[in-house]
Amino acid sequence: MTRLCAPVVALLLCSAPGLAQEAGRIDANRPPNGDRFDGVRALINRLIVEEGVPSVAVAVAKDGEILWEEAFGWADRERRMAATPHTPYSLASITKPMTATAALVLSERGKFELDTPIESHLGQLRFAGYAGDAAGVTARRIMAHSAGLPQYYYFYHSGYPPPSPEQTLARYGMVVFPPAQRFEYSNIGYHSLAIAISRVSGQPFSEFLRREVFLPLGMTRSALDLHPSWAAEAATRYDGKGRPIPPYSSDHPGSGDVWSSAHDLLRFGMFHVGTPLPGQRAILGPEAIRTMQQIASAPGAQWGLGWSLGTDRGYRVVRHGGQQPGVDNQLVLYPDENVVVVMLANQNNWKVRQVVEEIAAVVLPHYAERKTAATAPGSGPEQLATPSGRWAGTLTTHEGAEPFTLVFQPDGDVLARVGERMTTYVNNFRSEGGAFVGWMYGVMNTSDALRHRHNLNFTLLPQGDELIGQLVAYTPLDPGVFGLPAFLRLTREPAEASK
């Protein structure tokens, strides 16, 4: 299959207007009898044949040179459209470092403050400061997922029109943890950041991204949502059974709605490791790029501005993934080695992520040997003592409030009750990252949550005599529909009152 995929991809590239010259240059660098990436090709072909992954596109650069760009499988099975390195894929959350880059562009121009309340850039829009002062919600904390904002997502492919950006922020822009105290991955934060960028720049967010990020970096197949000029060539998203997913959109585009090709995404990564291709214009200075790659998150997390930070087999790594229905992507930078790795797939399947490791083992000198070396187990976060007794308080949604209780029984079971509805057991209750988490069968009584069957999960942070945090309604059968948060505040009742 390897020997069939490469010619097909080369043929499509050479037939695409404006891409023939670049495709020829890539293919000319590949030895006729195979090269060092043949093992990765074999892995990708196994994923396509054995796992049913529709397509995978990869791109790799080192020291300012593109080493490899290739695509495998079908961008659209039904139309027999092969994937290429220039096929636009839905990036999902890899949108976030692009949104963060746009914010830094404005910051460098002196038009956007990273450490003042984001509300100062939002006009009349305001956050509900349930768990802390909304003045603590800054752009820097938003980009590092430490602003105290909740989980949130809604993918609209079920006949319901998305609300306006302002409506979404008015409903779900709520402070559920004290700002700067806890890391909580938040799409609603990046949604507010995109609104702020649009208001400060005086342009639609999509247009600012196009003019100030994509075009200067030569990313001609990148756009917020599908661009009309190449929408028909974009990769179709498939579910786990290989069925095409109907087109869908979100109401938080700044967190996950960019489409881009493997080649374009490689160009974005090469700029951020300081080895841009000829013709790319510097949209940020070196100091801003370094700032984005420095830890800015709450204690216990390693996030910069738009990037997840860490080490990988001893190499410093800057990265972001993108997963949602029909999407599984990775953009991985090894800045000290000037290496960028891109992997895009049009089906959500965690096994495709091993492609990145296999590529890294080829281009990084000691990665392969370190990959197989044993690693000492980490100590893990400190475990919290399980509460006892009965805790009661209020669940606050954008449509009102109702009572909520948690009961911690001596036998270890935890019971929950929302409003006057039936008491239910909490599943998988545990301490995680300095908070208590668990999930339960139940209903959030808001008009948007009631559109689909859902369950409830919570994250509760101990704060003195209280537990505060979020309760999220999420769809269990189709996890691509929504995760809708509400604010939860509980206080322990006196022992005699709980009897």
Protein backbone atom coordinates (compact mmCIF):
# COMPACT_ATOMS: atom_id res chain seq x y z
CA MET A 1 0.00 0.00 0.00
CA THR A 2 2.89 2.38 0.66
CA ARG A 3 3.99 2.20 -2.93
CA LEU A 4 0.44 3.00 -4.10
CA CYS A 5 -0.16 5.94 -1.74
CA ALA A 6 2.86 8.07 -2.64
CA PRO A 7 2.25 8.20 -6.42
CA VAL A 8 -1.44 8.92 -5.91
CA VAL A 9 -0.62 11.82 -3.58
CA ALA A 10 2.06 13.13 -5.92
CA LEU A 11 -0.38 12.96 -8.85
CA LEU A 12 -3.03 14.95 -7.01
CA LEU A 13 -0.52 17.53 -5.85
CA CYS A 14 0.89 18.04 -9.32
CA SER A 15 -2.61 18.45 -10.74
CA ALA A 16 -3.56 21.09 -8.17
CA PRO A 17 -3.06 24.66 -9.46
CA GLY A 18 -0.12 26.41 -7.86
CA LEU A 19 1.11 23.31 -6.03
CA ALA A 20 2.91 21.36 -8.75
CA GLN A 21 6.29 23.02 -8.26
CA GLU A 22 6.30 22.47 -4.51
CA ALA A 23 5.06 18.87 -4.85
CA GLY A 24 7.84 18.12 -7.31
CA ARG A 25 10.43 19.51 -4.94
CA ILE A 26 9.17 17.34 -2.07
CA ASP A 27 9.08 14.16 -4.19
CA ALA A 28 12.50 14.86 -5.66
CA ASN A 29 14.01 14.60 -2.18
CA ARG A 30 12.70 11.07 -1.65
CA PRO A 31 15.13 8.29 -2.64
CA PRO A 32 13.58 5.89 -5.19
CA ASN A 33 14.24 2.87 -2.95
CA GLY A 34 12.75 4.33 0.22
CA ASP A 35 14.07 6.60 2.96
CA ARG A 36 14.25 6.94 6.74
CA PHE A 37 10.51 7.66 7.05
CA ASP A 38 9.47 4.32 5.53
CA GLY A 39 8.80 2.87 8.99
CA VAL A 40 6.40 5.74 9.72
CA ARG A 41 4.70 5.18 6.37
CA ALA A 42 4.18 1.53 7.28
CA LEU A 43 2.66 2.52 10.63
CA ILE A 44 0.25 4.97 8.99
CA ASN A 45 -0.83 2.40 6.42
CA ARG A 46 -1.53 -0.11 9.23
CA LEU A 47 -3.69 2.49 10.97
CA ILE A 48 -5.64 3.03 7.75
CA VAL A 49 -6.09 -0.69 7.02
CA GLU A 50 -6.49 -2.12 10.54
CA GLU A 51 -8.08 0.80 12.41
CA GLY A 52 -10.11 2.20 9.54
CA VAL A 53 -8.66 5.71 9.84
CA PRO A 54 -9.78 7.48 6.64
CA SER A 55 -6.64 9.56 6.15
CA VAL A 56 -3.49 10.89 7.80
CA ALA A 57 -1.40 13.85 6.62
CA VAL A 58 2.07 14.50 8.05
CA ALA A 59 4.75 17.17 7.70
CA VAL A 60 8.19 17.47 9.34
CA ALA A 61 10.80 20.23 9.37
CA LYS A 62 14.22 20.63 10.97
CA ASP A 63 16.61 23.61 10.95
CA GLY A 64 14.38 25.54 8.58
CA GLU A 65 14.12 22.76 5.99
CA ILE A 66 11.03 20.71 5.16
CA LEU A 67 12.16 17.09 5.48
CA TRP A 68 8.93 15.30 4.63
CA GLU A 69 5.35 16.05 3.64
CA GLU A 70 2.97 13.28 2.64
CA ALA A 71 -0.64 12.21 2.98
CA PHE A 72 -2.28 8.79 3.04
CA GLY A 73 -5.82 7.57 2.50
CA TRP A 74 -9.02 9.38 1.60
CA ALA A 75 -9.88 12.94 2.51
CA ASP A 76 -13.37 11.98 1.35
CA ARG A 77 -14.11 8.28 0.85
CA GLU A 78 -17.47 8.75 -0.82
CA ARG A 79 -16.04 11.07 -3.48
CA ARG A 80 -12.78 9.09 -3.76
CA MET A 81 -10.80 12.24 -3.01
CA ALA A 82 -7.28 11.39 -1.84
CA ALA A 83 -5.66 13.34 0.98
CA THR A 84 -2.64 15.54 0.22
CA PRO A 85 -0.30 17.67 2.35
CA HIS A 86 -2.36 20.65 1.12
CA THR A 87 -5.78 19.22 2.04
CA PRO A 88 -7.47 21.46 4.66
CA TYR A 89 -8.40 19.59 7.84
CA SER A 90 -10.44 20.76 10.79
CA LEU A 91 -7.80 21.67 13.39
CA ALA A 92 -10.07 21.69 16.48
CA SER A 93 -8.10 23.04 19.45
CA ILE A 94 -4.89 23.69 17.51
CA THR A 95 -6.84 26.88 16.79
CA LYS A 96 -5.89 28.07 20.27
CA PRO A 97 -2.18 28.85 19.68
CA MET A 98 -3.29 30.74 16.56
CA THR A 99 -5.75 32.81 18.60
CA ALA A 100 -3.03 33.40 21.19
CA THR A 101 -0.64 34.47 18.42
CA ALA A 102 -3.21 36.99 17.21
CA ALA A 103 -3.52 38.39 20.74
CA LEU A 104 0.26 38.79 20.99
CA VAL A 105 0.33 40.57 17.62
CA LEU A 106 -2.01 43.23 19.04
CA SER A 107 -0.11 43.30 22.32
CA GLU A 108 3.18 44.04 20.57
CA ARG A 109 1.49 46.94 18.79
CA GLY A 110 0.44 48.39 22.14
CA LYS A 111 -3.27 47.92 21.45
CA PHE A 112 -4.06 44.99 23.75
CA GLU A 113 -3.21 44.60 27.43
CA LEU A 114 -2.52 41.04 28.56
CA ASP A 115 -2.75 41.72 32.31
CA THR A 116 -5.77 43.97 32.61
CA PRO A 117 -9.33 42.63 32.93
CA ILE A 118 -10.42 41.16 29.60
CA GLU A 119 -13.77 42.87 30.20
CA SER A 120 -12.09 46.16 29.31
CA HIS A 121 -11.93 44.86 25.72
CA LEU A 122 -15.46 43.40 25.64
CA GLY A 123 -17.68 46.46 25.57
CA GLN A 124 -20.81 45.84 27.64
CA LEU A 125 -20.21 42.08 28.01
CA ARG A 126 -19.45 40.94 31.55
CA PHE A 127 -18.44 37.72 33.33
CA ALA A 128 -20.51 36.47 36.24
CA GLY A 129 -18.07 36.59 39.14
CA TYR A 130 -19.51 33.68 41.14
CA ALA A 131 -16.26 32.35 42.59
CA GLY A 132 -14.04 35.40 42.35
CA ASP A 133 -13.67 38.90 41.02
CA ALA A 134 -14.05 38.97 37.24
CA ALA A 135 -11.28 41.60 37.21
CA GLY A 136 -8.90 38.66 37.64
CA VAL A 137 -9.92 37.27 34.23
CA THR A 138 -7.08 38.56 32.05
CA ALA A 139 -5.94 37.62 28.56
CA ARG A 140 -2.72 36.10 29.92
CA ARG A 141 -4.63 33.86 32.32
CA ILE A 142 -7.15 32.93 29.64
CA MET A 143 -4.37 31.82 27.29
CA ALA A 144 -2.89 29.68 30.09
CA HIS A 145 -6.31 28.26 31.13
CA SER A 146 -5.96 29.74 34.62
CA ALA A 147 -8.57 32.50 34.62
CA GLY A 148 -11.11 30.55 36.70
CA LEU A 149 -13.42 29.93 33.72
CA PRO A 150 -15.33 26.66 33.19
CA GLN A 151 -15.27 23.85 30.68
CA TYR A 152 -17.54 24.50 27.73
CA TYR A 153 -18.21 23.20 24.23
CA TYR A 154 -21.17 22.99 21.87
CA PHE A 155 -21.00 21.55 18.36
CA TYR A 156 -24.10 22.35 16.38
CA HIS A 157 -25.06 19.59 13.96
CA SER A 158 -28.50 18.69 15.28
CA GLY A 159 -30.74 21.31 13.72
CA TYR A 160 -30.25 24.01 16.35
CA PRO A 161 -28.76 27.28 15.10
CA PRO A 162 -25.74 28.54 17.07
CA PRO A 163 -26.37 31.58 19.25
CA SER A 164 -24.44 34.77 18.63
CA PRO A 165 -20.96 35.06 20.18
CA GLU A 166 -22.35 37.61 22.62
CA GLN A 167 -25.20 35.32 23.67
CA THR A 168 -22.81 32.44 24.37
CA LEU A 169 -20.56 34.61 26.50
CA ALA A 170 -23.53 36.06 28.36
CA ARG A 171 -24.78 32.56 29.20
CA TYR A 172 -21.54 30.77 30.02
CA GLY A 173 -18.98 33.47 30.77
CA MET A 174 -18.80 32.69 34.47
CA VAL A 175 -15.98 32.60 37.03
CA VAL A 176 -16.32 29.20 38.71
CA PHE A 177 -12.88 29.06 40.37
CA PRO A 178 -10.85 31.90 41.89
CA PRO A 179 -8.66 33.29 39.07
CA ALA A 180 -5.02 32.11 39.07
CA GLN A 181 -5.71 29.31 41.59
CA ARG A 182 -6.57 26.40 39.32
CA PHE A 183 -5.83 25.15 35.81
CA GLU A 184 -9.06 24.39 33.97
CA TYR A 185 -9.04 23.91 30.20
CA SER A 186 -11.58 26.42 28.94
CA ASN A 187 -12.98 26.96 25.45
CA ILE A 188 -15.16 29.80 26.70
CA GLY A 189 -11.99 31.70 27.65
CA TYR A 190 -10.66 31.55 24.10
CA HIS A 191 -14.10 32.50 22.85
CA SER A 192 -13.93 35.70 24.90
CA LEU A 193 -10.37 36.30 23.68
CA ALA A 194 -11.51 36.14 20.05
CA ILE A 195 -14.31 38.62 20.75
CA ALA A 196 -11.79 40.96 22.40
CA ILE A 197 -9.39 40.70 19.43
CA SER A 198 -12.21 41.57 17.05
CA ARG A 199 -13.30 44.59 19.08
CA VAL A 200 -9.77 45.93 19.57
CA SER A 201 -8.74 45.44 15.95
CA GLY A 202 -12.03 46.68 14.50
CA GLN A 203 -12.16 43.61 12.22
CA PRO A 204 -14.04 40.32 12.32
CA PHE A 205 -11.86 37.78 14.10
CA SER A 206 -11.71 35.63 10.96
CA GLU A 207 -10.39 38.56 8.93
CA PHE A 208 -7.79 39.53 11.53
CA LEU A 209 -6.47 35.96 11.56
CA ARG A 210 -6.31 35.93 7.77
CA ARG A 211 -4.57 39.28 7.37
CA GLU A 212 -2.26 39.32 10.38
CA VAL A 213 -1.40 35.64 10.93
CA PHE A 214 -2.13 33.40 7.95
CA LEU A 215 -1.15 35.51 4.94
CA PRO A 216 2.14 36.85 6.38
CA LEU A 217 3.17 33.26 7.17
CA GLY A 218 2.19 32.01 3.71
CA MET A 219 -0.69 29.91 5.05
CA THR A 220 -2.90 30.13 1.99
CA ARG A 221 -5.03 27.09 2.86
CA SER A 222 -5.95 28.24 6.36
CA ALA A 223 -9.08 30.03 7.52
CA LEU A 224 -11.52 30.30 10.36
CA ASP A 225 -14.14 27.82 9.15
CA LEU A 226 -14.15 26.54 5.57
CA HIS A 227 -13.08 29.02 2.91
CA PRO A 228 -15.32 29.01 -0.21
CA SER A 229 -12.35 28.74 -2.58
CA TRP A 230 -11.28 25.36 -1.21
CA ALA A 231 -14.17 24.08 0.88
CA ALA A 232 -14.87 21.28 -1.64
CA GLU A 233 -11.29 20.00 -1.19
CA ALA A 234 -11.38 19.85 2.63
CA ALA A 235 -11.22 16.58 4.55
CA THR A 236 -14.58 15.15 5.56
CA ARG A 237 -14.86 14.29 9.26
CA TYR A 238 -15.75 10.65 10.08
CA ASP A 239 -17.07 9.02 13.24
CA GLY A 240 -15.62 5.92 14.91
CA LYS A 241 -17.63 3.63 12.64
CA GLY A 242 -16.34 5.26 9.48
CA ARG A 243 -19.53 7.18 8.74
CA PRO A 244 -19.29 10.77 7.44
CA ILE A 245 -20.24 13.29 10.12
CA PRO A 246 -22.62 15.98 8.83
CA PRO A 247 -20.98 19.41 8.73
CA TYR A 248 -21.11 21.14 12.09
CA SER A 249 -20.01 24.40 13.62
CA SER A 250 -19.47 25.77 17.11
CA ASP A 251 -20.39 28.97 18.92
CA HIS A 252 -16.80 29.39 20.21
CA PRO A 253 -14.75 29.73 17.00
CA GLY A 254 -11.67 31.21 18.64
CA SER A 255 -11.10 27.96 20.48
CA GLY A 256 -11.44 25.42 17.69
CA ASP A 257 -12.82 26.43 14.27
CA VAL A 258 -9.71 26.93 12.11
CA TRP A 259 -9.16 24.68 9.08
CA SER A 260 -5.63 24.26 7.77
CA SER A 261 -3.40 21.87 5.83
CA ALA A 262 -0.41 19.92 7.09
CA HIS A 263 1.84 22.14 4.99
CA ASP A 264 0.35 25.37 6.33
CA LEU A 265 0.47 24.14 9.92
CA LEU A 266 4.13 23.26 9.44
CA ARG A 267 4.77 26.84 8.33
CA PHE A 268 3.05 28.10 11.50
CA GLY A 269 5.21 25.82 13.66
CA MET A 270 8.43 26.74 11.86
CA PHE A 271 7.80 30.40 12.58
CA HIS A 272 7.30 29.61 16.27
CA VAL A 273 10.60 27.71 16.56
CA GLY A 274 12.44 30.60 14.93
CA THR A 275 13.23 28.94 11.59
CA PRO A 276 10.73 30.50 9.15
CA LEU A 277 10.70 29.63 5.49
CA PRO A 278 11.82 32.23 2.92
CA GLY A 279 9.07 34.72 2.27
CA GLN A 280 7.45 34.41 5.69
CA ARG A 281 7.09 37.77 7.41
CA ALA A 282 7.82 38.06 11.12
CA ILE A 283 4.48 38.76 12.80
CA LEU A 284 5.97 38.55 16.32
CA GLY A 285 9.34 39.45 17.76
CA PRO A 286 11.56 36.84 19.44
CA GLU A 287 10.61 38.03 22.93
CA ALA A 288 6.90 37.53 22.29
CA ILE A 289 7.56 34.01 20.98
CA ARG A 290 9.62 33.23 24.10
CA THR A 291 6.84 34.63 26.30
CA MET A 292 4.32 32.29 24.70
CA GLN A 293 6.61 29.34 25.52
CA GLN A 294 7.10 30.19 29.21
CA ILE A 295 4.93 28.78 31.97
CA ALA A 296 2.08 31.15 32.80
CA SER A 297 -0.49 28.74 34.24
CA ALA A 298 -1.73 28.17 37.76
CA PRO A 299 0.42 25.98 40.06
CA GLY A 300 0.49 22.31 39.08
CA ALA A 301 0.16 22.88 35.33
CA GLN A 302 2.65 23.56 32.56
CA TRP A 303 1.02 25.87 30.07
CA GLY A 304 2.30 28.93 28.32
CA LEU A 305 0.23 31.32 26.21
CA GLY A 306 -1.65 29.01 23.88
CA TRP A 307 0.83 26.14 24.26
CA SER A 308 1.17 23.06 26.43
CA LEU A 309 4.76 22.86 27.71
CA GLY A 310 6.87 19.99 29.00
CA THR A 311 9.58 17.51 28.11
CA ASP A 312 9.48 14.49 25.84
CA ARG A 313 12.27 11.91 26.29
CA GLY A 314 14.52 14.65 27.60
CA TYR A 315 13.69 17.17 24.87
CA ARG A 316 11.87 20.42 25.63
CA VAL A 317 8.52 20.27 23.88
CA VAL A 318 5.90 22.88 23.00
CA ARG A 319 2.69 21.45 21.62
CA HIS A 320 -1.05 21.49 21.14
CA GLY A 321 -3.46 18.77 20.12
CA GLY A 322 -6.88 18.97 18.53
CA GLN A 323 -9.61 16.42 19.19
CA GLN A 324 -13.32 16.64 18.51
CA PRO A 325 -15.80 14.54 16.49
CA GLY A 326 -13.99 13.42 13.35
CA VAL A 327 -10.72 15.14 14.27
CA ASP A 328 -7.44 13.96 15.83
CA ASN A 329 -4.44 16.24 15.30
CA GLN A 330 -1.04 17.08 16.77
CA LEU A 331 1.31 20.05 16.34
CA VAL A 332 4.55 19.39 18.22
CA LEU A 333 7.57 21.72 18.43
CA TYR A 334 11.00 20.80 19.75
CA PRO A 335 12.36 24.37 19.85
CA ASP A 336 15.90 23.60 21.00
CA GLU A 337 16.34 21.21 18.05
CA ASN A 338 14.45 23.43 15.54
CA VAL A 339 12.09 20.51 14.84
CA VAL A 340 8.39 20.73 13.97
CA VAL A 341 6.09 17.72 13.57
CA VAL A 342 2.53 17.88 12.21
CA MET A 343 -0.01 15.05 12.11
CA LEU A 344 -3.62 15.49 10.95
CA ALA A 345 -6.36 12.84 10.81
CA ASN A 346 -10.06 13.09 9.92
CA GLN A 347 -11.26 10.63 12.56
CA ASN A 348 -10.98 10.75 16.33
CA ASN A 349 -8.69 7.81 17.17
CA TRP A 350 -6.00 8.08 19.86
CA LYS A 351 -3.83 5.50 18.11
CA VAL A 352 -2.91 7.95 15.36
CA ARG A 353 -1.01 10.04 17.91
CA GLN A 354 1.76 7.46 18.01
CA VAL A 355 2.71 8.67 14.53
CA VAL A 356 4.25 11.76 16.14
CA GLU A 357 6.46 9.64 18.38
CA GLU A 358 7.63 7.55 15.45
CA ILE A 359 8.54 10.67 13.49
CA ALA A 360 10.38 12.15 16.48
CA ALA A 361 12.36 8.91 16.78
CA VAL A 362 13.58 9.46 13.21
CA VAL A 363 14.58 13.12 13.40
CA LEU A 364 15.82 13.48 17.01
CA PRO A 365 19.17 11.76 17.64
CA HIS A 366 18.50 10.15 21.03
CA TYR A 367 14.72 9.93 21.00
CA ALA A 368 14.48 6.26 19.99
CA GLU A 369 16.76 4.97 22.74
CA ARG A 370 15.09 7.17 25.35
CA LYS A 371 11.69 6.07 24.11
CA THR A 372 12.31 2.49 25.22
CA ALA A 373 14.10 3.38 28.46
CA ALA A 374 12.21 2.84 31.70
CA THR A 375 11.00 5.95 33.48
CA ALA A 376 10.56 6.36 37.20
CA PRO A 377 6.93 6.83 38.28
CA GLY A 378 5.99 10.33 39.37
CA SER A 379 4.70 11.13 42.82
CA GLY A 380 1.39 12.51 41.48
CA PRO A 381 -0.69 15.31 42.99
CA GLU A 382 -1.45 15.41 46.67
CA GLN A 383 -4.64 13.54 47.52
CA LEU A 384 -7.35 15.40 49.41
CA ALA A 385 -9.14 13.87 52.37
CA THR A 386 -12.67 12.87 51.41
CA PRO A 387 -15.31 15.12 52.99
CA SER A 388 -17.93 13.69 55.34
CA GLY A 389 -21.51 14.49 56.13
CA ARG A 390 -24.06 16.43 54.12
CA TRP A 391 -23.17 19.41 51.96
CA ALA A 392 -25.92 21.65 50.61
CA GLY A 393 -26.02 24.72 48.44
CA THR A 394 -27.04 26.13 45.09
CA LEU A 395 -26.58 25.22 41.46
CA THR A 396 -26.63 28.43 39.42
CA THR A 397 -27.33 28.22 35.68
CA HIS A 398 -27.85 31.00 33.15
CA GLU A 399 -31.59 30.44 33.55
CA GLY A 400 -31.82 30.44 37.33
CA ALA A 401 -30.85 28.52 40.46
CA GLU A 402 -31.95 25.42 42.31
CA PRO A 403 -30.83 23.42 45.38
CA PHE A 404 -28.05 20.85 45.19
CA THR A 405 -26.86 18.40 47.84
CA LEU A 406 -23.98 15.96 48.22
CA VAL A 407 -24.01 13.35 50.98
CA PHE A 408 -20.80 11.50 51.90
CA GLN A 409 -21.81 8.27 53.61
CA PRO A 410 -19.65 6.34 56.11
CA ASP A 411 -19.46 3.37 53.71
CA GLY A 412 -17.74 5.57 51.09
CA ASP A 413 -20.72 6.06 48.79
CA VAL A 414 -21.49 9.60 47.66
CA LEU A 415 -25.08 10.63 46.90
CA ALA A 416 -26.21 13.68 44.93
CA ARG A 417 -29.51 15.41 44.38
CA VAL A 418 -30.35 18.25 41.99
CA GLY A 419 -33.42 20.26 42.93
CA GLU A 420 -36.34 18.03 43.82
CA ARG A 421 -35.30 15.27 41.43
CA MET A 422 -34.33 11.76 42.42
CA THR A 423 -31.22 11.19 44.54
CA THR A 424 -28.49 9.38 42.61
CA TYR A 425 -25.08 7.86 43.26
CA VAL A 426 -21.94 9.73 42.26
CA ASN A 427 -19.67 7.59 40.10
CA ASN A 428 -15.88 7.55 40.23
CA PHE A 429 -15.67 10.14 42.98
CA ARG A 430 -12.01 11.00 43.59
CA SER A 431 -9.45 13.67 44.38
CA GLU A 432 -7.74 14.99 41.26
CA GLY A 433 -5.43 17.98 40.87
CA GLY A 434 -6.40 19.51 44.21
CA ALA A 435 -10.16 19.21 43.60
CA PHE A 436 -12.93 16.64 43.97
CA VAL A 437 -14.39 15.24 40.75
CA GLY A 438 -17.11 12.74 39.88
CA TRP A 439 -20.06 12.16 37.59
CA MET A 440 -23.69 11.16 37.96
CA TYR A 441 -26.85 10.44 36.04
CA GLY A 442 -29.03 13.50 36.15
CA VAL A 443 -30.49 16.49 34.35
CA MET A 444 -29.54 20.15 34.15
CA ASN A 445 -32.82 21.99 33.84
CA THR A 446 -31.95 24.56 31.15
CA SER A 447 -33.53 24.84 27.73
CA ASP A 448 -30.29 24.16 25.82
CA ALA A 449 -29.20 21.23 28.02
CA LEU A 450 -32.62 19.60 27.70
CA ARG A 451 -32.21 19.33 23.91
CA HIS A 452 -30.24 16.09 24.31
CA ARG A 453 -29.93 13.31 26.83
CA HIS A 454 -26.99 14.11 29.10
CA ASN A 455 -25.16 13.23 32.30
CA LEU A 456 -23.53 15.53 34.86
CA ASN A 457 -19.97 15.80 36.10
CA PHE A 458 -18.55 18.14 38.69
CA THR A 459 -15.25 19.64 39.75
CA LEU A 460 -15.29 21.09 43.27
CA LEU A 461 -12.47 23.04 44.87
CA PRO A 462 -12.23 23.19 48.69
CA GLN A 463 -12.32 26.82 49.85
CA GLY A 464 -12.43 27.03 53.61
CA ASP A 465 -15.80 25.69 54.73
CA GLU A 466 -17.12 25.55 51.18
CA LEU A 467 -16.83 23.48 48.03
CA ILE A 468 -17.08 25.62 44.91
CA GLY A 469 -16.72 24.87 41.22
CA GLN A 470 -18.58 23.67 38.16
CA LEU A 471 -21.25 21.16 37.26
CA VAL A 472 -21.16 20.29 33.55
CA ALA A 473 -23.99 18.71 31.55
CA TYR A 474 -22.41 16.54 28.86
CA THR A 475 -23.84 14.20 26.24
CA PRO A 476 -22.66 10.60 26.82
CA LEU A 477 -23.84 8.97 23.59
CA ASP A 478 -22.62 11.70 21.25
CA PRO A 479 -19.78 13.48 23.05
CA GLY A 480 -19.59 15.93 20.19
CA VAL A 481 -22.78 17.76 21.06
CA PHE A 482 -22.16 19.76 24.22
CA GLY A 483 -20.59 20.27 27.61
CA LEU A 484 -22.56 23.05 29.35
CA PRO A 485 -21.38 24.39 32.73
CA ALA A 486 -23.12 25.85 35.76
CA PHE A 487 -21.74 27.18 39.03
CA LEU A 488 -21.94 25.08 42.17
CA ARG A 489 -21.41 26.30 45.75
CA LEU A 490 -21.88 23.93 48.71
CA THR A 491 -21.48 24.36 52.48
CA ARG A 492 -21.21 21.57 55.01
CA GLU A 493 -24.25 21.32 57.23
CA PRO A 494 -23.89 20.83 61.00
CA ALA A 495 -23.91 17.16 62.01
CA GLU A 496 -27.29 17.39 63.77
CA ALA A 497 -28.87 19.00 60.70
CA SER A 498 -27.75 16.17 58.43
CA LYS A 499 -29.31 13.41 60.47
